[in-house]
């Protein structure tokens, strides 16, 4: 996540755009996932969509993926 964020600069704003639960994701084993999407603005990117994927592992939710477009 740090490498992705260094090039786009500091976060200026973020608004939750939606969430979806799923049992399957491309290239990942079946499991419990939540895919969260945010509209965001960064210092070096005025309009971005952040996608955060969390997976349930041993009773706890952990970040499994982070993408900025």
C-alpha atoms as a PDB file:
ATOM      1  CA  UNK A   1       0.000   0.000   0.000  1.00  0.00           C
ATOM      2  CA  UNK A   2       2.844   2.396   0.818  1.00  0.00           C
ATOM      3  CA  UNK A   3       4.303   2.125  -2.687  1.00  0.00           C
ATOM      4  CA  UNK A   4       0.956   2.891  -4.317  1.00  0.00           C
ATOM      5  CA  UNK A   5       0.304   5.901  -2.111  1.00  0.00           C
ATOM      6  CA  UNK A   6       3.772   7.506  -2.404  1.00  0.00           C
ATOM      7  CA  UNK A   7       3.253   8.477  -6.058  1.00  0.00           C
ATOM      8  CA  UNK A   8      -0.208  10.005  -5.566  1.00  0.00           C
ATOM      9  CA  UNK A   9       0.586  11.983  -2.426  1.00  0.00           C
ATOM     10  CA  UNK A  10      -1.319  12.623   0.749  1.00  0.00           C
ATOM     11  CA  UNK A  11      -5.002  11.793   1.081  1.00  0.00           C
ATOM     12  CA  UNK A  12      -7.159  14.926   0.969  1.00  0.00           C
ATOM     13  CA  UNK A  13     -10.640  13.406   1.073  1.00  0.00           C
ATOM     14  CA  UNK A  14     -12.410  10.034   0.963  1.00  0.00           C
ATOM     15  CA  UNK A  15     -16.099   9.140   0.681  1.00  0.00           C
ATOM     16  CA  UNK A  16     -17.492   5.617   0.938  1.00  0.00           C
ATOM     17  CA  UNK A  17     -19.111   4.681  -2.391  1.00  0.00           C
ATOM     18  CA  UNK A  18     -20.272   1.157  -1.553  1.00  0.00           C
ATOM     19  CA  UNK A  19     -19.476  -2.302  -0.220  1.00  0.00           C
ATOM     20  CA  UNK A  20     -20.179  -5.794  -1.436  1.00  0.00           C
ATOM     21  CA  UNK A  21     -19.766  -9.154   0.258  1.00  0.00           C
ATOM     22  CA  UNK A  22     -18.642 -12.129  -1.803  1.00  0.00           C
ATOM     23  CA  UNK A  23     -17.405 -15.691  -1.401  1.00  0.00           C
ATOM     24  CA  UNK A  24     -15.259 -15.658  -4.571  1.00  0.00           C
ATOM     25  CA  UNK A  25     -12.655 -13.360  -6.103  1.00  0.00           C
ATOM     26  CA  UNK A  26     -10.576 -13.908  -9.252  1.00  0.00           C
ATOM     27  CA  UNK A  27      -7.251 -15.541  -8.383  1.00  0.00           C
ATOM     28  CA  UNK A  28      -8.125 -16.046  -4.709  1.00  0.00           C
ATOM     29  CA  UNK A  29      -9.392 -19.086  -2.806  1.00  0.00           C
ATOM     30  CA  UNK A  30     -13.078 -19.183  -1.896  1.00  0.00           C
ATOM     31  CA  UNK A  31     -13.761 -17.492   1.433  1.00  0.00           C
ATOM     32  CA  UNK A  32     -15.484 -14.540   3.073  1.00  0.00           C
ATOM     33  CA  UNK A  33     -14.610 -11.197   1.478  1.00  0.00           C
ATOM     34  CA  UNK A  34     -15.832  -7.614   1.595  1.00  0.00           C
ATOM     35  CA  UNK A  35     -14.964  -5.328  -1.323  1.00  0.00           C
ATOM     36  CA  UNK A  36     -15.205  -1.658  -0.313  1.00  0.00           C
ATOM     37  CA  UNK A  37     -15.046   1.226  -2.791  1.00  0.00           C
ATOM     38  CA  UNK A  38     -14.258   4.863  -2.011  1.00  0.00           C
ATOM     39  CA  UNK A  39     -14.171   8.065  -4.054  1.00  0.00           C
ATOM     40  CA  UNK A  40     -10.961   9.801  -3.052  1.00  0.00           C
ATOM     41  CA  UNK A  41      -8.817  12.845  -3.722  1.00  0.00           C
ATOM     42  CA  UNK A  42      -5.040  12.870  -3.258  1.00  0.00           C
ATOM     43  CA  UNK A  43      -2.453  15.633  -3.463  1.00  0.00           C
ATOM     44  CA  UNK A  44      -1.226  14.377  -6.875  1.00  0.00           C
ATOM     45  CA  UNK A  45      -4.448  12.772  -8.139  1.00  0.00           C
ATOM     46  CA  UNK A  46      -7.584  14.897  -8.034  1.00  0.00           C
ATOM     47  CA  UNK A  47     -10.049  12.074  -8.697  1.00  0.00           C
ATOM     48  CA  UNK A  48      -9.460   8.458  -7.744  1.00  0.00           C
ATOM     49  CA  UNK A  49     -11.341   5.296  -6.901  1.00  0.00           C
ATOM     50  CA  UNK A  50      -9.886   3.281  -4.031  1.00  0.00           C
ATOM     51  CA  UNK A  51     -10.814  -0.369  -3.674  1.00  0.00           C
ATOM     52  CA  UNK A  52     -10.038  -2.189  -0.425  1.00  0.00           C
ATOM     53  CA  UNK A  53     -10.604  -5.933  -0.100  1.00  0.00           C
ATOM     54  CA  UNK A  54     -10.748  -7.531   3.339  1.00  0.00           C
ATOM     55  CA  UNK A  55     -10.899 -11.249   4.036  1.00  0.00           C
ATOM     56  CA  UNK A  56     -11.930 -13.164   7.126  1.00  0.00           C
ATOM     57  CA  UNK A  57      -9.034 -15.201   8.497  1.00  0.00           C
ATOM     58  CA  UNK A  58      -9.419 -17.142  11.725  1.00  0.00           C
ATOM     59  CA  UNK A  59     -12.264 -14.983  12.994  1.00  0.00           C
ATOM     60  CA  UNK A  60     -10.560 -11.646  12.195  1.00  0.00           C
ATOM     61  CA  UNK A  61     -10.874  -9.378   9.166  1.00  0.00           C
ATOM     62  CA  UNK A  62      -7.593  -8.514   7.415  1.00  0.00           C
ATOM     63  CA  UNK A  63      -6.745  -6.354   4.420  1.00  0.00           C
ATOM     64  CA  UNK A  64      -6.180  -8.625   1.419  1.00  0.00           C
ATOM     65  CA  UNK A  65      -5.882  -6.034  -1.338  1.00  0.00           C
ATOM     66  CA  UNK A  66      -5.677  -2.323  -2.116  1.00  0.00           C
ATOM     67  CA  UNK A  67      -6.028  -0.688  -5.554  1.00  0.00           C
ATOM     68  CA  UNK A  68      -6.167   2.967  -6.610  1.00  0.00           C
ATOM     69  CA  UNK A  69      -7.452   3.857 -10.063  1.00  0.00           C
END
